[in-house]
């Protein structure tokens, strides 16, 4: 008697993918390539050498070729770190409160529908402020 081919496989979905939480049996999946084996061995060997000489090598590199050390460090850092650092800088080197005030001013100008070159708009604001804050003559 042959096995029922319509029997439901509880380890895979309808597209043949492994279900979440179900470990694949040993030997399942793509075989390890020779390139991957070499990479794994290289990383293991580097780890052994690093444990013994890592700090010494970095110190020598810092003295002899600091640009190379910086290049290595830059290459190892996750890219999102640079995005976060740049996001914290404000234009013109303003402190956070000054930048927030400037941003609010720009939002007010935009919401009022001011039209024209920025220099002209700022000239209008300056003229209005001077008129409003002017001291009366006695």
N, C-alpha and C. Protein backbone atom coordinates (compact mmCIF):
# COMPACT_ATOMS: atom_id res chain seq x y z
N UNK A 1 0.84 -1.17 0.00
CA UNK A 1 0.00 0.00 0.00
C UNK A 1 0.89 1.24 0.00
N UNK A 2 0.58 2.24 -0.83
CA UNK A 2 1.38 3.45 -0.92
C UNK A 2 0.94 4.46 0.12
N UNK A 3 1.87 5.33 0.48
CA UNK A 3 1.59 6.37 1.48
C UNK A 3 0.69 7.43 0.86
N UNK A 4 -0.20 7.98 1.64
CA UNK A 4 -1.14 9.00 1.16
C UNK A 4 -0.39 10.31 0.93
N UNK A 5 -0.28 10.76 -0.35
CA UNK A 5 0.45 11.98 -0.67
C UNK A 5 -0.31 13.23 -0.30
N UNK A 6 -1.59 13.11 -0.01
CA UNK A 6 -2.38 14.28 0.38
C UNK A 6 -2.29 14.54 1.88
N UNK A 7 -1.58 13.68 2.59
CA UNK A 7 -1.44 13.84 4.04
C UNK A 7 -0.78 15.19 4.34
N UNK A 8 -1.32 15.94 5.26
CA UNK A 8 -0.85 17.28 5.62
C UNK A 8 0.50 17.20 6.33
N UNK A 9 1.48 17.98 5.83
CA UNK A 9 2.79 18.09 6.46
C UNK A 9 2.70 19.22 7.48
N UNK A 10 2.89 18.92 8.76
CA UNK A 10 2.76 19.92 9.82
C UNK A 10 4.01 20.76 10.04
N UNK A 11 5.04 20.56 9.20
CA UNK A 11 6.27 21.31 9.37
C UNK A 11 6.46 22.41 8.32
N UNK A 12 5.61 22.39 7.27
CA UNK A 12 5.76 23.37 6.19
C UNK A 12 4.42 24.02 5.86
N UNK A 13 4.49 25.25 5.31
CA UNK A 13 3.26 25.92 4.88
C UNK A 13 2.88 25.46 3.47
N UNK A 14 1.85 26.08 2.90
CA UNK A 14 1.36 25.67 1.58
C UNK A 14 2.37 25.92 0.46
N UNK A 15 3.34 26.79 0.69
CA UNK A 15 4.37 27.07 -0.31
C UNK A 15 5.65 26.27 -0.06
N UNK A 16 5.65 25.38 0.92
CA UNK A 16 6.79 24.54 1.19
C UNK A 16 7.83 25.13 2.12
N UNK A 17 7.56 26.31 2.68
CA UNK A 17 8.50 26.95 3.60
C UNK A 17 8.33 26.37 5.01
N UNK A 18 9.43 26.33 5.77
CA UNK A 18 9.37 25.84 7.14
C UNK A 18 8.48 26.77 7.96
N UNK A 19 7.62 26.19 8.77
CA UNK A 19 6.77 26.99 9.65
C UNK A 19 7.62 27.58 10.77
N UNK A 20 7.19 28.74 11.23
CA UNK A 20 7.90 29.43 12.30
C UNK A 20 7.87 28.56 13.56
N UNK A 21 9.03 28.45 14.19
CA UNK A 21 9.13 27.69 15.43
C UNK A 21 9.39 26.21 15.23
N UNK A 22 9.37 25.75 13.98
CA UNK A 22 9.65 24.33 13.69
C UNK A 22 11.09 24.24 13.20
N UNK A 23 11.97 23.60 13.95
CA UNK A 23 13.36 23.50 13.50
C UNK A 23 13.48 22.56 12.31
N UNK A 24 14.33 22.91 11.38
CA UNK A 24 14.57 22.05 10.22
C UNK A 24 15.36 20.83 10.67
N UNK A 25 15.09 19.69 10.06
CA UNK A 25 15.84 18.49 10.45
C UNK A 25 17.30 18.61 10.02
N UNK A 26 18.19 17.88 10.67
CA UNK A 26 19.61 17.93 10.31
C UNK A 26 19.80 17.59 8.84
N UNK A 27 20.66 18.35 8.19
CA UNK A 27 20.94 18.09 6.77
C UNK A 27 19.99 18.82 5.84
N UNK A 28 18.97 19.49 6.39
CA UNK A 28 18.04 20.22 5.53
C UNK A 28 18.66 21.55 5.14
N UNK A 29 18.26 22.07 4.03
CA UNK A 29 18.75 23.36 3.59
C UNK A 29 19.93 23.24 2.64
N UNK A 30 20.47 24.35 2.28
CA UNK A 30 21.55 24.42 1.31
C UNK A 30 22.84 23.93 1.96
N UNK A 31 23.63 23.13 1.24
CA UNK A 31 24.90 22.68 1.81
C UNK A 31 25.88 23.85 1.94
N UNK A 32 26.79 23.72 2.90
CA UNK A 32 27.79 24.76 3.14
C UNK A 32 28.79 24.74 1.99
N UNK A 33 29.00 25.90 1.38
CA UNK A 33 29.92 25.98 0.25
C UNK A 33 31.36 26.01 0.74
N UNK A 34 32.29 25.73 -0.17
CA UNK A 34 33.70 25.76 0.21
C UNK A 34 34.12 27.18 0.57
N UNK A 35 33.54 28.19 -0.11
CA UNK A 35 33.86 29.58 0.21
C UNK A 35 33.42 29.90 1.63
N UNK A 36 32.23 29.42 2.02
CA UNK A 36 31.73 29.67 3.36
C UNK A 36 32.60 28.95 4.39
N UNK A 37 33.04 27.75 4.07
CA UNK A 37 33.91 27.02 5.00
C UNK A 37 35.23 27.77 5.22
N UNK A 38 35.80 28.30 4.12
CA UNK A 38 37.05 29.05 4.22
C UNK A 38 36.83 30.31 5.06
N UNK A 39 35.72 31.01 4.81
CA UNK A 39 35.41 32.22 5.57
C UNK A 39 35.30 31.92 7.05
N UNK A 40 34.62 30.85 7.38
CA UNK A 40 34.46 30.47 8.79
C UNK A 40 35.80 30.16 9.44
N UNK A 41 36.65 29.41 8.72
CA UNK A 41 37.98 29.09 9.27
C UNK A 41 38.83 30.34 9.42
N UNK A 42 38.76 31.25 8.42
CA UNK A 42 39.52 32.50 8.50
C UNK A 42 39.10 33.31 9.72
N UNK A 43 37.79 33.41 9.95
CA UNK A 43 37.31 34.16 11.11
C UNK A 43 37.75 33.51 12.42
N UNK A 44 37.75 32.19 12.46
CA UNK A 44 38.23 31.50 13.67
C UNK A 44 39.71 31.80 13.91
N UNK A 45 40.51 31.73 12.83
CA UNK A 45 41.95 32.01 12.96
C UNK A 45 42.19 33.46 13.35
N UNK A 46 41.43 34.38 12.74
CA UNK A 46 41.56 35.79 13.11
C UNK A 46 41.22 36.00 14.58
N UNK A 47 40.21 35.30 15.06
CA UNK A 47 39.83 35.41 16.47
C UNK A 47 40.96 34.98 17.39
N UNK A 48 41.64 33.90 17.03
CA UNK A 48 42.75 33.42 17.84
C UNK A 48 43.89 34.45 17.85
N UNK A 49 44.24 34.96 16.67
CA UNK A 49 45.31 35.96 16.57
C UNK A 49 44.91 37.23 17.29
N UNK A 50 43.66 37.63 17.14
CA UNK A 50 43.19 38.86 17.79
C UNK A 50 43.31 38.76 19.30
N UNK A 51 42.93 37.61 19.85
CA UNK A 51 43.03 37.42 21.31
C UNK A 51 44.46 37.61 21.79
N UNK A 52 45.43 37.19 20.98
CA UNK A 52 46.82 37.27 21.41
C UNK A 52 47.47 38.63 21.09
N UNK A 53 47.17 39.20 19.91
CA UNK A 53 47.90 40.38 19.45
C UNK A 53 47.03 41.60 19.14
N UNK A 54 45.74 41.51 19.27
CA UNK A 54 44.83 42.55 18.81
C UNK A 54 45.13 43.94 19.31
N UNK A 55 45.23 44.10 20.60
CA UNK A 55 45.45 45.44 21.17
C UNK A 55 46.81 45.99 20.76
N UNK A 56 47.83 45.13 20.74
CA UNK A 56 49.17 45.57 20.35
C UNK A 56 49.19 46.06 18.91
N UNK A 57 48.50 45.33 18.04
CA UNK A 57 48.44 45.71 16.63
C UNK A 57 47.74 47.06 16.48
N UNK A 58 46.65 47.25 17.20
CA UNK A 58 45.92 48.52 17.12
C UNK A 58 46.78 49.68 17.62
N UNK A 59 47.51 49.47 18.70
CA UNK A 59 48.37 50.52 19.23
C UNK A 59 49.47 50.89 18.23
N UNK A 60 50.07 49.88 17.59
CA UNK A 60 51.11 50.14 16.60
C UNK A 60 50.51 50.86 15.39
N UNK A 61 49.33 50.44 14.96
CA UNK A 61 48.66 51.08 13.83
C UNK A 61 48.30 52.53 14.15
N UNK A 62 47.88 52.78 15.39
CA UNK A 62 47.55 54.15 15.79
C UNK A 62 48.76 55.07 15.69
N UNK A 63 49.95 54.56 15.97
CA UNK A 63 51.18 55.36 15.89
C UNK A 63 51.69 55.47 14.45
N UNK A 64 51.70 54.33 13.73
CA UNK A 64 52.33 54.28 12.41
C UNK A 64 51.41 54.74 11.28
N UNK A 65 50.12 54.44 11.38
CA UNK A 65 49.20 54.76 10.27
C UNK A 65 47.80 55.04 10.82
N UNK A 66 47.62 56.19 11.49
CA UNK A 66 46.32 56.48 12.11
C UNK A 66 45.17 56.55 11.10
N UNK A 67 45.46 56.96 9.86
CA UNK A 67 44.40 57.02 8.84
C UNK A 67 43.87 55.63 8.54
N UNK A 68 44.76 54.65 8.50
CA UNK A 68 44.33 53.26 8.25
C UNK A 68 43.49 52.76 9.42
N UNK A 69 43.88 53.10 10.63
CA UNK A 69 43.10 52.71 11.81
C UNK A 69 41.70 53.32 11.74
N UNK A 70 41.63 54.59 11.37
CA UNK A 70 40.32 55.26 11.25
C UNK A 70 39.48 54.59 10.17
N UNK A 71 40.11 54.22 9.06
CA UNK A 71 39.38 53.55 7.97
C UNK A 71 38.83 52.21 8.43
N UNK A 72 39.61 51.46 9.17
CA UNK A 72 39.16 50.16 9.68
C UNK A 72 38.00 50.37 10.65
N UNK A 73 38.15 51.31 11.57
CA UNK A 73 37.10 51.57 12.55
C UNK A 73 35.81 52.00 11.87
N UNK A 74 35.94 52.90 10.88
CA UNK A 74 34.77 53.38 10.15
C UNK A 74 34.06 52.23 9.45
N UNK A 75 34.84 51.31 8.88
CA UNK A 75 34.27 50.17 8.18
C UNK A 75 33.55 49.19 9.09
N UNK A 76 33.93 49.17 10.35
CA UNK A 76 33.33 48.22 11.29
C UNK A 76 32.08 48.76 11.99
N UNK A 77 31.94 50.10 12.04
CA UNK A 77 30.80 50.67 12.75
C UNK A 77 29.51 50.50 11.94
N UNK A 78 28.40 50.23 12.61
CA UNK A 78 27.12 50.14 11.90
C UNK A 78 26.77 51.49 11.27
N UNK A 79 26.18 51.46 10.09
CA UNK A 79 25.86 52.68 9.36
C UNK A 79 24.86 53.56 10.09
N UNK A 80 23.96 52.98 10.85
CA UNK A 80 22.94 53.80 11.52
C UNK A 80 23.54 54.72 12.58
N UNK A 81 24.74 54.43 13.06
CA UNK A 81 25.39 55.31 14.04
C UNK A 81 25.64 56.68 13.41
N UNK A 82 26.10 56.70 12.16
CA UNK A 82 26.39 57.97 11.50
C UNK A 82 25.13 58.77 11.26
N UNK A 83 24.05 58.10 10.96
CA UNK A 83 22.79 58.79 10.75
C UNK A 83 22.33 59.43 12.06
N UNK A 84 22.42 58.69 13.16
CA UNK A 84 22.01 59.22 14.45
C UNK A 84 22.87 60.41 14.88
N UNK A 85 24.16 60.34 14.64
CA UNK A 85 25.05 61.43 15.02
C UNK A 85 24.72 62.68 14.21
N UNK A 86 24.52 62.54 12.92
CA UNK A 86 24.22 63.69 12.09
C UNK A 86 22.85 64.27 12.40
N UNK A 87 21.91 63.43 12.80
CA UNK A 87 20.58 63.92 13.16
C UNK A 87 20.62 64.81 14.39
N UNK A 88 21.63 64.65 15.24
CA UNK A 88 21.71 65.42 16.47
C UNK A 88 22.30 66.81 16.25
N UNK A 89 22.94 67.01 15.11
CA UNK A 89 23.52 68.33 14.83
C UNK A 89 22.42 69.25 14.31
N UNK A 90 22.48 70.51 14.67
CA UNK A 90 21.50 71.47 14.17
C UNK A 90 22.21 72.41 13.20
N UNK A 91 21.48 72.95 12.22
CA UNK A 91 22.10 73.87 11.26
C UNK A 91 22.72 75.07 11.95
N UNK A 92 23.86 75.48 11.46
CA UNK A 92 24.53 76.66 11.99
C UNK A 92 25.11 76.46 13.37
N UNK A 93 25.11 75.22 13.87
CA UNK A 93 25.65 74.96 15.20
C UNK A 93 24.80 75.56 16.32
N UNK A 94 23.51 75.81 16.03
CA UNK A 94 22.63 76.38 17.06
C UNK A 94 22.38 75.38 18.17
N UNK A 95 22.16 75.89 19.39
CA UNK A 95 21.76 74.97 20.44
C UNK A 95 20.30 74.56 20.19
N UNK A 96 19.85 73.55 20.87
CA UNK A 96 18.53 72.97 20.61
C UNK A 96 17.40 73.99 20.77
N UNK A 97 17.46 74.84 21.80
CA UNK A 97 16.39 75.82 22.03
C UNK A 97 16.34 76.87 20.92
N UNK A 98 17.53 77.35 20.50
CA UNK A 98 17.57 78.35 19.43
C UNK A 98 17.07 77.76 18.12
N UNK A 99 17.47 76.54 17.86
CA UNK A 99 17.00 75.89 16.63
C UNK A 99 15.48 75.70 16.67
N UNK A 100 14.93 75.30 17.81
CA UNK A 100 13.47 75.12 17.93
C UNK A 100 12.75 76.44 17.71
N UNK A 101 13.30 77.55 18.24
CA UNK A 101 12.68 78.87 18.04
C UNK A 101 12.72 79.26 16.57
N UNK A 102 13.85 79.04 15.92
CA UNK A 102 13.98 79.35 14.50
C UNK A 102 13.02 78.50 13.67
N UNK A 103 12.91 77.24 14.02
CA UNK A 103 12.00 76.34 13.30
C UNK A 103 10.56 76.82 13.46
N UNK A 104 10.19 77.26 14.67
CA UNK A 104 8.83 77.77 14.91
C UNK A 104 8.58 79.03 14.09
N UNK A 105 9.58 79.92 14.03
CA UNK A 105 9.46 81.14 13.23
C UNK A 105 9.22 80.79 11.76
N UNK A 106 9.99 79.85 11.25
CA UNK A 106 9.82 79.45 9.85
C UNK A 106 8.44 78.83 9.62
N UNK A 107 7.96 78.05 10.57
CA UNK A 107 6.62 77.46 10.46
C UNK A 107 5.54 78.55 10.45
N UNK A 108 5.69 79.57 11.29
CA UNK A 108 4.72 80.68 11.34
C UNK A 108 4.72 81.42 10.01
N UNK A 109 5.91 81.70 9.48
CA UNK A 109 6.01 82.40 8.19
C UNK A 109 5.28 81.60 7.12
N UNK A 110 5.52 80.31 7.10
CA UNK A 110 4.87 79.46 6.09
C UNK A 110 3.37 79.41 6.28
N UNK A 111 2.90 79.30 7.53
CA UNK A 111 1.45 79.20 7.78
C UNK A 111 0.74 80.52 7.46
N UNK A 112 1.46 81.65 7.53
CA UNK A 112 0.86 82.95 7.18
C UNK A 112 0.79 83.15 5.68
N UNK A 113 1.44 82.29 4.94
CA UNK A 113 1.39 82.40 3.48
C UNK A 113 2.28 83.49 2.93
N UNK A 114 3.35 83.84 3.63
CA UNK A 114 4.27 84.88 3.15
C UNK A 114 4.88 84.42 1.84
N UNK A 115 4.82 85.30 0.85
CA UNK A 115 5.33 84.98 -0.48
C UNK A 115 6.47 85.94 -0.80
N UNK A 116 7.49 85.43 -1.45
CA UNK A 116 8.61 86.27 -1.84
C UNK A 116 9.93 85.63 -1.48
N UNK A 117 10.97 86.31 -1.82
CA UNK A 117 12.31 85.84 -1.48
C UNK A 117 12.48 85.87 0.04
N UNK A 118 13.21 84.93 0.60
CA UNK A 118 13.41 84.92 2.06
C UNK A 118 13.92 86.25 2.60
N UNK A 119 14.84 86.90 1.88
CA UNK A 119 15.38 88.18 2.33
C UNK A 119 14.26 89.22 2.47
N UNK A 120 13.33 89.22 1.50
CA UNK A 120 12.22 90.18 1.53
C UNK A 120 11.29 89.88 2.70
N UNK A 121 11.01 88.60 2.92
CA UNK A 121 10.12 88.21 4.02
C UNK A 121 10.75 88.61 5.35
N UNK A 122 12.04 88.35 5.52
CA UNK A 122 12.70 88.72 6.77
C UNK A 122 12.77 90.25 6.93
N UNK A 123 12.91 90.97 5.82
CA UNK A 123 12.90 92.44 5.90
C UNK A 123 11.54 92.93 6.39
N UNK A 124 10.45 92.29 5.92
CA UNK A 124 9.10 92.67 6.39
C UNK A 124 8.96 92.39 7.88
N UNK A 125 9.44 91.24 8.31
CA UNK A 125 9.36 90.89 9.73
C UNK A 125 10.16 91.89 10.56
N UNK A 126 11.36 92.21 10.11
CA UNK A 126 12.20 93.17 10.83
C UNK A 126 11.51 94.54 10.93
N UNK A 127 10.95 94.99 9.82
CA UNK A 127 10.27 96.30 9.81
C UNK A 127 9.09 96.31 10.78
N UNK A 128 8.30 95.22 10.75
CA UNK A 128 7.15 95.13 11.66
C UNK A 128 7.59 95.08 13.12
N UNK A 129 8.62 94.35 13.40
CA UNK A 129 9.12 94.26 14.78
C UNK A 129 9.64 95.61 15.26
N UNK A 130 10.39 96.29 14.42
CA UNK A 130 10.93 97.59 14.80
C UNK A 130 9.80 98.59 15.06
N UNK A 131 8.77 98.54 14.23
CA UNK A 131 7.63 99.44 14.42
C UNK A 131 6.90 99.10 15.71
N UNK A 132 6.71 97.84 15.98
CA UNK A 132 5.97 97.42 17.18
C UNK A 132 6.75 97.75 18.46
N UNK A 133 8.08 97.58 18.39
CA UNK A 133 8.90 97.77 19.60
C UNK A 133 9.52 99.16 19.71
N UNK A 134 9.20 100.04 18.79
CA UNK A 134 9.79 101.38 18.81
C UNK A 134 9.30 102.16 20.04
N UNK A 135 10.20 102.96 20.60
CA UNK A 135 9.85 103.77 21.75
C UNK A 135 9.26 105.09 21.24
N UNK A 136 8.15 105.49 21.82
CA UNK A 136 7.54 106.76 21.38
C UNK A 136 8.45 107.95 21.74
N UNK A 137 8.44 108.96 20.87
CA UNK A 137 9.20 110.18 21.12
C UNK A 137 8.44 111.06 22.08
N UNK A 138 9.10 111.70 22.98
CA UNK A 138 8.43 112.57 23.95
C UNK A 138 8.27 113.95 23.44
